[in-house]
Amino acid sequence: MSVSRLAEPLDITLTAVGQHLKVLKKGSLVKTQKSGRVRSCSLDPSGFSLLQLWVAEQSSALEKKLDRLGEILDEED
């Protein structure tokens, strides 16, 4: 999909969409290709396994913190 078409339903500038795409590209979640004056983008499935791993790690760390908070709160009772 072209960047301009992707930006149509969003209430942000093309520049902002480009900045978001740059971050997603850096994270291997999106691929972009320029043909003439049109930049197109597509999802990059390879980045989703890395994202899934990161989310699992963050979730595990958060669960440990919440478990510890629960222990502290139980001690006060």
Protein backbone atom coordinates (compact mmCIF):
# COMPACT_ATOMS: atom_id res chain seq x y z
CA MET A 1 0.00 0.00 0.00
CA SER A 2 1.30 3.48 -0.74
CA VAL A 3 2.20 5.69 2.19
CA SER A 4 -0.28 8.36 1.09
CA ARG A 5 -3.10 5.79 0.88
CA LEU A 6 -2.10 4.42 4.26
CA ALA A 7 -2.26 7.95 5.71
CA GLU A 8 -5.74 8.76 4.29
CA PRO A 9 -7.85 7.49 7.21
CA LEU A 10 -5.40 8.77 9.82
CA ASP A 11 -5.53 12.22 11.31
CA ILE A 12 -1.77 12.77 10.97
CA THR A 13 0.57 14.20 8.34
CA LEU A 14 2.42 12.18 5.72
CA THR A 15 5.61 13.14 7.53
CA ALA A 16 4.31 11.60 10.74
CA VAL A 17 3.27 8.43 8.90
CA GLY A 18 6.76 8.27 7.41
CA GLN A 19 8.30 8.60 10.87
CA HIS A 20 6.12 5.79 12.22
CA LEU A 21 7.02 3.60 9.25
CA LYS A 22 10.71 4.30 9.83
CA VAL A 23 10.40 2.92 13.39
CA LEU A 24 8.43 -0.11 12.18
CA LYS A 25 11.02 -0.71 9.45
CA LYS A 26 13.84 -0.53 11.99
CA GLY A 27 11.98 -3.16 14.03
CA SER A 28 11.70 -5.39 10.93
CA LEU A 29 7.90 -5.17 11.01
CA VAL A 30 7.49 -3.29 7.72
CA LYS A 31 9.29 -3.25 4.37
CA THR A 32 9.24 -0.18 2.13
CA GLN A 33 9.99 0.20 -1.55
CA LYS A 34 10.19 3.32 -3.68
CA SER A 35 9.04 3.28 -7.30
CA GLY A 36 9.36 6.70 -8.87
CA ARG A 37 7.68 9.16 -6.52
CA VAL A 38 5.57 6.56 -4.76
CA ARG A 39 6.76 4.79 -1.61
CA SER A 40 4.91 1.58 -0.86
CA CYS A 41 5.01 -0.47 2.29
CA SER A 42 4.09 -3.98 3.32
CA LEU A 43 4.21 -6.07 6.48
CA ASP A 44 7.40 -8.03 7.07
CA PRO A 45 6.46 -11.30 8.81
CA SER A 46 10.05 -11.96 9.91
CA GLY A 47 9.89 -9.18 12.50
CA PHE A 48 6.84 -10.54 14.26
CA SER A 49 8.71 -13.45 15.84
CA LEU A 50 11.12 -10.95 17.40
CA LEU A 51 8.18 -8.85 18.57
CA GLN A 52 6.50 -11.90 20.08
CA LEU A 53 9.70 -12.77 21.97
CA TRP A 54 10.03 -9.22 23.30
CA VAL A 55 6.39 -9.15 24.44
CA ALA A 56 6.84 -12.49 26.22
CA GLU A 57 9.93 -11.20 28.03
CA GLN A 58 8.18 -7.99 29.07
CA SER A 59 5.12 -9.92 30.20
CA SER A 60 7.24 -12.28 32.30
CA ALA A 61 9.05 -9.39 33.99
CA LEU A 62 5.75 -7.62 34.70
CA GLU A 63 4.20 -10.78 36.13
CA LYS A 64 7.16 -11.16 38.53
CA LYS A 65 6.75 -7.57 39.72
CA LEU A 66 3.01 -7.99 40.21
CA ASP A 67 3.57 -11.27 42.09
CA ARG A 68 6.01 -9.48 44.40
CA LEU A 69 3.52 -6.65 44.92
CA GLY A 70 0.87 -9.23 45.82
CA GLU A 71 3.23 -10.78 48.37
CA ILE A 72 3.91 -7.39 49.96
CA LEU A 73 0.20 -6.59 50.13
CA ASP A 74 -0.53 -10.02 51.68
CA GLU A 75 2.14 -9.38 54.33
CA GLU A 76 0.38 -6.18 55.42
CA ASP A 77 -2.87 -8.07 56.08
